[in-house]
């Protein structure tokens, strides 16, 4: 498994973080999260999986839209590696939110 250069990796992780933050913020402002006392950020496990999947798909779509996926593929980086980089921030942040809230 070949990882991209640090600059590309940081940019992908930062974009994945911003996408997760935008979706999570939209859920809060749209009132999609339950308003339980003390657990305003809690999501059901199915909703968390959907959120991670949507964040991953949007990050991969952004990589394809900007042409970075093709560029990195020419450098020997597989789509599987880009998927791991895209799912990482959403997964880690959802685990962090789950630990902090509960």
Protein backbone atom coordinates (compact mmCIF):
# COMPACT_ATOMS: atom_id res chain seq x y z
CA UNK A 1 0.00 0.00 0.00
CA UNK A 2 1.56 3.24 -1.17
CA UNK A 3 0.60 6.38 0.69
CA UNK A 4 0.81 9.76 -1.02
CA UNK A 5 3.33 12.40 -0.06
CA UNK A 6 2.81 14.19 3.26
CA UNK A 7 1.46 17.32 1.56
CA UNK A 8 -1.25 15.36 -0.25
CA UNK A 9 -2.04 13.29 2.83
CA UNK A 10 -2.46 16.39 4.99
CA UNK A 11 -4.67 18.03 2.37
CA UNK A 12 -6.89 14.94 2.07
CA UNK A 13 -7.20 14.60 5.85
CA UNK A 14 -7.97 18.30 6.24
CA UNK A 15 -10.66 18.14 3.54
CA UNK A 16 -12.19 15.04 5.10
CA UNK A 17 -12.25 16.84 8.48
CA UNK A 18 -13.95 19.89 6.98
CA UNK A 19 -16.55 17.73 5.24
CA UNK A 20 -17.27 15.89 8.51
CA UNK A 21 -17.51 19.20 10.38
CA UNK A 22 -19.90 20.65 7.79
CA UNK A 23 -22.19 17.62 7.88
CA UNK A 24 -22.13 17.41 11.68
CA UNK A 25 -22.85 21.15 11.98
CA UNK A 26 -25.69 20.86 9.48
CA UNK A 27 -27.21 18.05 11.56
CA UNK A 28 -27.04 20.23 14.67
CA UNK A 29 -28.57 23.29 12.99
CA UNK A 30 -31.26 21.36 11.17
CA UNK A 31 -32.36 19.78 14.42
CA UNK A 32 -31.73 16.23 13.27
CA UNK A 33 -29.96 15.33 16.49
CA UNK A 34 -32.01 14.36 19.52
CA UNK A 35 -32.30 17.02 22.19
CA UNK A 36 -31.76 14.76 25.20
CA UNK A 37 -30.46 16.36 28.36
CA UNK A 38 -26.67 16.36 28.29
CA UNK A 39 -26.37 14.34 25.08
CA UNK A 40 -27.18 16.83 22.35
CA UNK A 41 -24.50 15.41 20.02
CA UNK A 42 -25.43 11.73 20.36
CA UNK A 43 -26.39 9.80 17.23
CA UNK A 44 -27.66 6.28 16.86
CA UNK A 45 -25.08 3.71 15.68
CA UNK A 46 -26.81 3.41 12.30
CA UNK A 47 -26.77 7.18 11.86
CA UNK A 48 -23.06 7.27 12.72
CA UNK A 49 -22.33 4.64 10.06
CA UNK A 50 -24.34 6.62 7.52
CA UNK A 51 -22.52 9.83 8.48
CA UNK A 52 -19.13 8.15 8.05
CA UNK A 53 -20.20 6.68 4.71
CA UNK A 54 -21.47 10.04 3.44
CA UNK A 55 -18.27 11.80 4.55
CA UNK A 56 -16.16 9.17 2.79
CA UNK A 57 -18.15 9.37 -0.43
CA UNK A 58 -18.05 13.18 -0.46
CA UNK A 59 -14.30 13.21 0.17
CA UNK A 60 -13.68 10.73 -2.65
CA UNK A 61 -15.99 12.73 -4.90
CA UNK A 62 -13.99 15.87 -4.12
CA UNK A 63 -10.74 14.06 -4.94
CA UNK A 64 -12.21 12.94 -8.26
CA UNK A 65 -13.63 16.39 -8.99
CA UNK A 66 -10.27 18.10 -8.56
CA UNK A 67 -8.40 15.42 -10.51
CA UNK A 68 -6.25 14.41 -7.55
CA UNK A 69 -7.47 10.83 -7.66
CA UNK A 70 -6.16 10.39 -11.20
CA UNK A 71 -2.92 12.21 -10.40
CA UNK A 72 -2.27 10.07 -7.33
CA UNK A 73 -3.22 6.92 -9.26
CA UNK A 74 -0.51 7.79 -11.77
CA UNK A 75 1.90 7.99 -8.83
CA UNK A 76 0.91 4.49 -7.69
CA UNK A 77 -1.59 5.34 -4.96
CA UNK A 78 -4.63 3.06 -5.06
CA UNK A 79 -8.23 4.13 -4.54
CA UNK A 80 -8.31 1.79 -1.53
CA UNK A 81 -5.61 3.90 0.13
CA UNK A 82 -7.50 7.10 -0.63
CA UNK A 83 -10.62 5.53 0.85
CA UNK A 84 -8.72 4.76 4.06
CA UNK A 85 -7.52 8.36 4.20
CA UNK A 86 -11.06 9.61 3.58
CA UNK A 87 -12.72 7.41 6.22
CA UNK A 88 -10.08 8.07 8.90
CA UNK A 89 -11.04 11.54 10.14
CA UNK A 90 -14.78 10.83 10.23
CA UNK A 91 -14.26 7.57 12.09
CA UNK A 92 -11.84 9.04 14.62
CA UNK A 93 -13.93 12.13 15.24
CA UNK A 94 -17.13 10.14 15.69
CA UNK A 95 -15.34 7.91 18.20
CA UNK A 96 -14.08 11.02 19.99
CA UNK A 97 -17.56 12.58 20.07
CA UNK A 98 -19.00 9.30 21.34
CA UNK A 99 -16.42 9.04 24.13
CA UNK A 100 -16.75 12.69 25.18
CA UNK A 101 -20.57 12.76 25.09
CA UNK A 102 -21.13 9.44 26.79
